[in-house]
N, C-alpha and C. Protein backbone atom coordinates (compact mmCIF):
# COMPACT_ATOMS: atom_id res chain seq x y z
N MET A 1 98.62 90.63 94.94
CA MET A 1 99.40 90.94 93.83
C MET A 1 98.61 91.56 92.80
N GLY A 2 99.51 92.21 91.93
CA GLY A 2 98.91 93.27 91.18
C GLY A 2 99.19 92.52 89.40
N HIS A 3 98.68 92.90 88.77
CA HIS A 3 98.56 92.41 87.00
C HIS A 3 98.66 93.92 86.33
N LEU A 4 99.74 93.97 85.87
CA LEU A 4 99.93 95.30 84.51
C LEU A 4 99.33 95.45 83.29
N ILE A 5 98.56 95.98 83.11
CA ILE A 5 97.52 96.30 81.52
C ILE A 5 98.62 97.62 80.97
N LYS A 6 97.83 97.61 79.74
CA LYS A 6 97.79 99.25 79.29
C LYS A 6 96.76 99.09 78.74
N ILE A 7 96.06 100.46 78.55
CA ILE A 7 94.87 101.01 78.38
C ILE A 7 95.26 101.01 76.40
N GLN A 8 94.07 100.88 76.01
CA GLN A 8 94.30 101.33 74.67
C GLN A 8 93.28 102.28 74.11
N ARG A 9 93.57 102.55 73.11
CA ARG A 9 92.42 103.89 72.44
C ARG A 9 92.84 103.63 71.01
N VAL A 10 91.03 103.57 70.85
CA VAL A 10 90.87 103.34 69.06
C VAL A 10 89.94 104.70 69.14
N GLU A 11 89.85 105.16 67.63
CA GLU A 11 89.12 106.03 66.97
C GLU A 11 88.51 105.71 65.99
N ARG A 12 87.49 105.92 65.92
CA ARG A 12 86.84 105.20 64.66
C ARG A 12 85.81 106.32 64.17
N GLY A 13 86.36 107.29 63.00
CA GLY A 13 85.73 108.70 62.77
C GLY A 13 85.57 109.33 63.89
N THR A 14 84.44 109.68 64.17
CA THR A 14 84.38 110.88 65.33
C THR A 14 84.14 109.94 66.81
N THR A 15 84.11 108.53 67.07
CA THR A 15 83.88 108.11 68.24
C THR A 15 85.29 107.76 68.48
N LYS A 16 85.61 107.87 69.89
CA LYS A 16 86.64 107.39 70.52
C LYS A 16 85.97 106.35 71.83
N SER A 17 87.27 105.37 71.58
CA SER A 17 86.91 103.84 72.93
C SER A 17 88.18 103.57 73.24
N TYR A 18 87.94 103.20 74.65
CA TYR A 18 89.05 102.96 75.01
C TYR A 18 89.19 101.65 75.48
N TYR A 19 90.15 100.70 76.08
CA TYR A 19 89.82 99.26 76.02
C TYR A 19 90.70 98.66 77.23
N VAL A 20 90.37 98.38 77.91
CA VAL A 20 91.13 97.32 78.89
C VAL A 20 91.20 96.17 78.67
N ASN A 21 92.35 95.68 79.05
CA ASN A 21 92.26 93.98 78.45
C ASN A 21 92.33 93.60 79.97
N PHE A 22 91.70 92.19 80.06
CA PHE A 22 91.42 91.60 81.64
C PHE A 22 92.42 90.61 81.70
N PRO A 23 93.26 90.27 82.12
CA PRO A 23 94.41 89.29 82.32
C PRO A 23 93.49 87.63 82.90
N ALA A 24 94.16 87.16 81.72
CA ALA A 24 93.14 86.08 81.41
C ALA A 24 93.19 84.63 82.84
N ALA A 25 94.74 84.91 83.39
CA ALA A 25 94.41 84.43 84.68
C ALA A 25 93.78 85.03 85.53
N LEU A 26 93.41 86.19 85.77
CA LEU A 26 92.66 86.76 87.13
C LEU A 26 91.22 86.33 86.43
N ALA A 27 90.88 86.48 84.82
CA ALA A 27 89.07 86.32 84.92
C ALA A 27 88.79 84.95 85.24
N GLU A 28 89.65 84.17 84.88
CA GLU A 28 89.12 82.52 85.38
C GLU A 28 89.39 82.15 86.61
N ALA A 29 90.67 82.97 87.68
CA ALA A 29 90.15 83.15 89.15
C ALA A 29 88.69 83.63 89.84
N ALA A 30 88.51 84.86 88.92
CA ALA A 30 87.19 84.95 89.49
C ALA A 30 85.77 84.56 88.72
N GLN A 31 85.92 83.61 88.04
CA GLN A 31 85.17 83.19 87.20
C GLN A 31 84.07 83.98 86.45
N ILE A 32 84.94 84.64 85.75
CA ILE A 32 84.10 85.43 85.25
C ILE A 32 84.00 85.18 84.03
N GLU A 33 82.51 85.20 83.45
CA GLU A 33 81.68 84.38 82.04
C GLU A 33 81.44 85.91 80.97
N LYS A 34 81.67 85.11 79.66
CA LYS A 34 81.07 86.06 78.85
C LYS A 34 79.84 86.50 78.74
N GLY A 35 80.08 87.82 78.57
CA GLY A 35 78.69 88.68 78.59
C GLY A 35 78.24 88.93 80.11
N GLU A 36 79.09 88.51 80.85
CA GLU A 36 78.66 89.18 82.31
C GLU A 36 79.12 90.76 82.50
N GLU A 37 78.09 90.89 83.22
CA GLU A 37 77.98 92.88 83.07
C GLU A 37 78.91 92.96 84.74
N PHE A 38 79.39 94.13 84.21
CA PHE A 38 80.07 94.89 85.46
C PHE A 38 79.96 96.40 85.38
N GLU A 39 80.33 97.39 86.14
CA GLU A 39 80.49 98.53 86.26
C GLU A 39 81.49 99.29 86.79
N TRP A 40 81.83 100.31 86.54
CA TRP A 40 83.27 100.91 86.63
C TRP A 40 83.05 101.89 87.75
N LEU A 41 83.37 101.78 89.01
CA LEU A 41 83.38 102.81 90.20
C LEU A 41 84.27 103.84 89.95
N VAL A 42 84.50 105.26 90.07
CA VAL A 42 85.81 106.17 90.19
C VAL A 42 85.90 106.46 91.91
N GLU A 43 86.98 105.75 92.32
CA GLU A 43 87.66 105.81 93.86
C GLU A 43 88.14 107.80 93.77
N ASP A 44 88.94 107.94 92.57
CA ASP A 44 89.59 109.25 92.50
C ASP A 44 90.46 109.02 91.20
N LYS A 45 91.24 110.30 90.72
CA LYS A 45 91.80 110.11 89.55
C LYS A 45 92.97 108.83 89.39
N ASN A 46 93.00 108.44 90.37
CA ASN A 46 94.11 107.17 90.56
C ASN A 46 93.52 105.81 90.67
N ALA A 47 92.34 105.63 91.31
CA ALA A 47 92.19 104.10 91.59
C ALA A 47 90.43 104.07 90.89
N PHE A 48 90.40 103.21 90.69
CA PHE A 48 89.27 102.61 89.84
C PHE A 48 88.92 100.96 90.35
N LEU A 49 87.51 101.07 90.48
CA LEU A 49 87.01 100.04 91.02
C LEU A 49 85.89 99.20 90.04
N LEU A 50 86.51 97.80 89.43
CA LEU A 50 85.11 97.30 88.76
C LEU A 50 84.60 96.12 89.61
N ARG A 51 83.19 96.17 88.95
CA ARG A 51 82.28 95.57 90.05
C ARG A 51 81.17 94.78 89.67
N ARG A 52 81.43 93.59 89.93
CA ARG A 52 80.15 92.86 88.97
C ARG A 52 79.04 93.07 89.29
N LYS A 53 78.00 93.18 88.82
CA LYS A 53 76.56 93.77 88.47
C LYS A 53 76.05 92.39 89.52
N LYS A 54 75.99 91.39 89.16
CA LYS A 54 75.32 90.35 90.04
C LYS A 54 76.40 89.52 91.03
N PRO A 55 76.72 90.29 91.99
CA PRO A 55 77.69 89.28 92.78
C PRO A 55 77.74 87.69 93.01
N LYS A 56 78.78 86.91 93.06
CA LYS A 56 78.66 85.63 93.22
C LYS A 56 79.43 85.13 94.71
N LYS A 57 79.23 84.29 95.03
CA LYS A 57 79.52 83.86 96.44
C LYS A 57 81.16 84.14 96.33
N SER A 58 82.17 84.21 97.32
CA SER A 58 83.26 84.39 97.33
C SER A 58 83.62 82.92 97.35
N ILE A 59 85.08 82.85 96.47
CA ILE A 59 86.03 81.33 96.45
C ILE A 59 86.68 81.33 97.22
N LEU A 60 86.76 82.53 98.29
CA LEU A 60 88.04 82.53 99.15
C LEU A 60 87.35 81.43 100.43
N LYS A 61 88.02 80.83 100.93
CA LYS A 61 87.41 80.05 102.62
C LYS A 61 87.42 81.12 103.91
N SER A 62 86.41 81.42 104.18
CA SER A 62 86.35 81.92 105.36
C SER A 62 87.14 81.46 106.67
N SER A 63 87.93 82.00 106.83
CA SER A 63 88.70 81.96 108.23
C SER A 63 87.96 81.25 109.41
N PRO A 64 88.54 80.59 110.31
CA PRO A 64 88.30 80.39 111.16
C PRO A 64 87.99 81.69 112.50
N PRO A 65 87.06 81.62 113.47
CA PRO A 65 87.27 82.62 114.15
C PRO A 65 88.71 82.46 114.92
N LEU A 66 88.86 83.85 115.56
CA LEU A 66 90.13 83.62 116.33
C LEU A 66 90.26 83.24 117.68
N LEU A 67 90.97 82.76 117.81
CA LEU A 67 90.89 82.36 119.60
C LEU A 67 91.62 83.29 120.50
N SER A 68 91.20 83.56 121.61
CA SER A 68 92.23 84.22 122.48
C SER A 68 92.92 83.13 123.50
N ILE A 69 94.21 83.36 123.55
CA ILE A 69 94.87 82.51 124.22
C ILE A 69 95.89 83.11 124.94
N THR A 70 95.40 82.99 126.63
CA THR A 70 96.22 83.31 127.60
C THR A 70 96.93 82.75 128.38
N LYS A 71 98.02 82.96 128.86
CA LYS A 71 98.96 82.21 129.50
C LYS A 71 98.64 81.78 130.95
N GLN A 72 98.62 80.71 131.51
CA GLN A 72 98.31 80.31 132.40
C GLN A 72 99.79 80.30 133.78
N VAL A 73 99.43 81.31 134.71
CA VAL A 73 100.67 81.55 135.78
C VAL A 73 100.36 80.61 137.08
N ASP A 74 101.53 79.42 136.97
CA ASP A 74 101.36 78.57 137.73
C ASP A 74 102.17 79.51 139.56
N ASN A 75 100.97 79.49 140.40
CA ASN A 75 101.45 80.04 141.37
C ASN A 75 102.50 79.18 142.55
């Protein structure tokens, strides 16, 4: 599921900043805490990856191993 956001540009004198608002639902689901550090990685001009500096354990449960099921043919 994607979350639509808009980039904000702020100019103060000779400095420019761009701000990205992180949707609250996404931040809560990822258990993001105030002051936590992240880094941006640039995949290309259209894709950016935001990565947590100190990874947390996944909140997703690991899936059970796949079982191979074969059909038994009666002779």
